[in-house]
Amino acid sequence: GGRGARRPKAWFGAYSIAGVNREGEGKDNQDAYVAVPEVGGDPGMHLFGVFDGHGANGHEVSSLVRHSAARFLNVAAVRAAAGHPDGEARAAAVEVELGEVFLQLQSLLSVQVDFDSEGSGCTAILALCVDGELYVANVGDSRAVLAS
């Protein structure tokens, strides 16, 4: 008998420090991150994100995005896309689903009433690992570096 598909383990860590302004004074840290191993209960799917807030309420925006990103990921649609035999079509379909997460987050931000988001926001980067393949999407000037 076969052993079945080997699922990669998701190991992760995060560290963030506040920056300084032009006068050398410390600024509030408006960074947030999310790490959701086995997102949606799928043992082969792991979601990671980093969010860099800006503006007066950037910390509120990045926190809202952190706590909401995973619930907007359509795990069933990603799983279906990840099963496509053509690599380019598979990547394009997963890209659509990650883009949908960003659109849903923007909609949420526009209707929430917990804080004034005028002039505030956050950059965002999401990395989605599906059965060992990595898909990355970003909004703003956030970037990712893959290291081993």
Protein backbone atom coordinates (compact mmCIF):
# COMPACT_ATOMS: atom_id res chain seq x y z
CA GLY A 1 0.00 0.00 0.00
CA GLY A 2 0.97 3.61 -0.63
CA ARG A 3 1.68 6.13 2.07
CA GLY A 4 -0.39 8.89 0.44
CA ALA A 5 0.70 12.39 -0.40
CA ARG A 6 3.32 13.93 1.85
CA ARG A 7 2.16 17.25 3.24
CA PRO A 8 4.78 19.92 3.94
CA LYS A 9 4.89 21.20 7.50
CA ALA A 10 4.39 24.91 7.96
CA TRP A 11 7.09 26.46 10.12
CA PHE A 12 6.94 30.19 10.58
CA GLY A 13 8.02 33.08 12.72
CA ALA A 14 7.59 36.83 12.78
CA TYR A 15 9.47 39.78 14.20
CA SER A 16 8.81 43.47 13.75
CA ILE A 17 10.26 46.64 15.23
CA ALA A 18 9.08 50.23 14.99
CA GLY A 19 10.99 52.62 12.79
CA VAL A 20 12.10 56.17 13.43
CA ASN A 21 11.03 59.44 11.84
CA ARG A 22 13.36 61.93 10.14
CA GLU A 23 14.21 63.50 13.47
CA GLY A 24 15.32 60.15 14.84
CA GLU A 25 12.33 59.78 17.15
CA GLY A 26 10.60 56.44 17.52
CA LYS A 27 7.35 55.85 15.64
CA ASP A 28 4.43 53.62 16.54
CA ASN A 29 4.74 50.16 15.04
CA GLN A 30 1.83 49.73 12.65
CA ASP A 31 2.90 46.34 11.33
CA ALA A 32 0.77 43.23 11.62
CA TYR A 33 1.07 39.68 10.34
CA VAL A 34 -1.05 36.59 10.02
CA ALA A 35 -0.04 32.94 9.88
CA VAL A 36 -2.80 30.39 9.35
CA PRO A 37 -1.53 26.84 8.96
CA GLU A 38 -4.12 24.50 7.47
CA VAL A 39 -6.37 27.41 6.50
CA GLY A 40 -9.99 26.39 6.26
CA GLY A 41 -9.09 23.01 7.73
CA ASP A 42 -7.17 22.03 4.58
CA PRO A 43 -3.95 20.29 5.70
CA GLY A 44 -2.17 21.19 2.45
CA MET A 45 -2.97 24.91 2.49
CA HIS A 46 -1.19 27.55 4.60
CA LEU A 47 -1.74 31.32 4.48
CA PHE A 48 0.77 33.96 5.58
CA GLY A 49 0.55 37.73 5.36
CA VAL A 50 2.38 40.89 6.36
CA PHE A 51 0.63 44.25 6.59
CA ASP A 52 2.37 47.61 6.95
CA GLY A 53 -0.02 50.27 8.23
CA HIS A 54 0.32 53.96 7.45
CA GLY A 55 -1.50 57.12 8.42
CA ALA A 56 -3.07 58.11 11.72
CA ASN A 57 -4.99 54.84 12.05
CA GLY A 58 -2.68 52.56 10.09
CA HIS A 59 -2.37 50.25 13.10
CA GLU A 60 -6.16 49.82 13.09
CA VAL A 61 -6.21 49.09 9.36
CA SER A 62 -3.40 46.53 9.52
CA SER A 63 -5.06 44.86 12.52
CA LEU A 64 -8.42 44.64 10.74
CA VAL A 65 -6.75 43.14 7.67
CA ARG A 66 -4.80 40.70 9.83
CA HIS A 67 -7.93 39.41 11.52
CA SER A 68 -10.01 39.23 8.34
CA ALA A 69 -7.75 37.98 5.52
CA ALA A 70 -8.13 34.24 6.11
CA ARG A 71 -11.92 34.32 6.33
CA PHE A 72 -12.12 35.90 2.86
CA LEU A 73 -10.02 33.17 1.25
CA ASN A 74 -12.31 30.82 -0.69
CA VAL A 75 -10.53 27.59 0.21
CA ALA A 76 -12.75 25.46 -2.03
CA ALA A 77 -12.07 27.67 -5.07
CA VAL A 78 -8.32 27.65 -4.35
CA ARG A 79 -8.36 23.87 -3.97
CA ALA A 80 -10.18 23.55 -7.32
CA ALA A 81 -7.73 25.96 -8.99
CA ALA A 82 -4.75 24.12 -7.52
CA GLY A 83 -5.97 20.94 -9.18
CA HIS A 84 -5.70 22.38 -12.69
CA PRO A 85 -3.16 20.35 -14.70
CA ASP A 86 -1.70 23.36 -16.54
CA GLY A 87 0.77 25.29 -14.35
CA GLU A 88 0.09 28.71 -15.86
CA ALA A 89 -3.68 28.30 -15.68
CA ARG A 90 -3.34 27.02 -12.10
CA ALA A 91 -1.30 30.07 -11.06
CA ALA A 92 -3.71 32.46 -12.80
CA ALA A 93 -6.71 30.89 -11.06
CA VAL A 94 -5.07 31.07 -7.61
CA GLU A 95 -4.05 34.68 -8.38
CA VAL A 96 -7.72 35.53 -8.99
CA GLU A 97 -8.65 34.08 -5.61
CA LEU A 98 -5.91 36.06 -3.80
CA GLY A 99 -7.03 39.21 -5.61
CA GLU A 100 -10.55 38.54 -4.40
CA VAL A 101 -9.27 38.51 -0.81
CA PHE A 102 -7.83 42.01 -1.33
CA LEU A 103 -11.10 43.26 -2.86
CA GLN A 104 -13.10 41.88 0.06
CA LEU A 105 -10.72 43.49 2.55
CA GLN A 106 -11.08 46.86 0.80
CA SER A 107 -14.87 46.52 0.92
CA LEU A 108 -14.74 45.69 4.61
CA LEU A 109 -12.54 48.69 5.29
CA SER A 110 -14.94 51.01 3.47
CA VAL A 111 -17.97 49.95 5.55
CA GLN A 112 -16.45 49.41 9.00
CA VAL A 113 -17.29 52.08 11.59
CA ASP A 114 -14.85 51.26 14.40
CA PHE A 115 -12.30 53.88 13.32
CA ASP A 116 -11.78 56.65 10.78
CA SER A 117 -9.83 55.17 7.89
CA GLU A 118 -9.65 58.40 5.87
CA GLY A 119 -5.98 58.98 5.09
CA SER A 120 -4.94 55.64 6.61
CA GLY A 121 -4.34 52.22 5.12
CA CYS A 122 -1.82 49.45 4.81
CA THR A 123 0.26 47.68 2.25
CA ALA A 124 -0.27 43.94 2.16
CA ILE A 125 1.43 40.81 0.99
CA LEU A 126 -0.13 37.36 1.11
CA ALA A 127 1.73 34.11 0.58
CA LEU A 128 -0.37 31.01 0.07
CA CYS A 129 1.26 27.59 0.11
CA VAL A 130 -0.86 24.91 -1.55
CA ASP A 131 0.55 21.38 -1.55
CA GLY A 132 4.09 22.73 -1.55
CA GLU A 133 3.54 25.35 -4.29
CA LEU A 134 3.86 28.98 -3.24
CA TYR A 135 1.64 31.77 -4.58
CA VAL A 136 2.33 35.39 -3.59
CA ALA A 137 0.24 38.52 -4.14
CA ASN A 138 0.77 42.06 -2.92
CA VAL A 139 -0.89 45.46 -2.70
CA GLY A 140 1.24 48.56 -2.34
CA ASP A 141 4.99 48.48 -1.94
CA SER A 142 5.23 45.30 0.16
CA ARG A 143 7.55 42.65 -1.24
CA ALA A 144 8.52 39.11 -0.29
CA VAL A 145 11.86 37.36 -0.31
CA LEU A 146 12.07 33.58 -0.48
CA ALA A 147 15.04 32.09 1.34
CA SER A 148 16.08 28.59 2.22
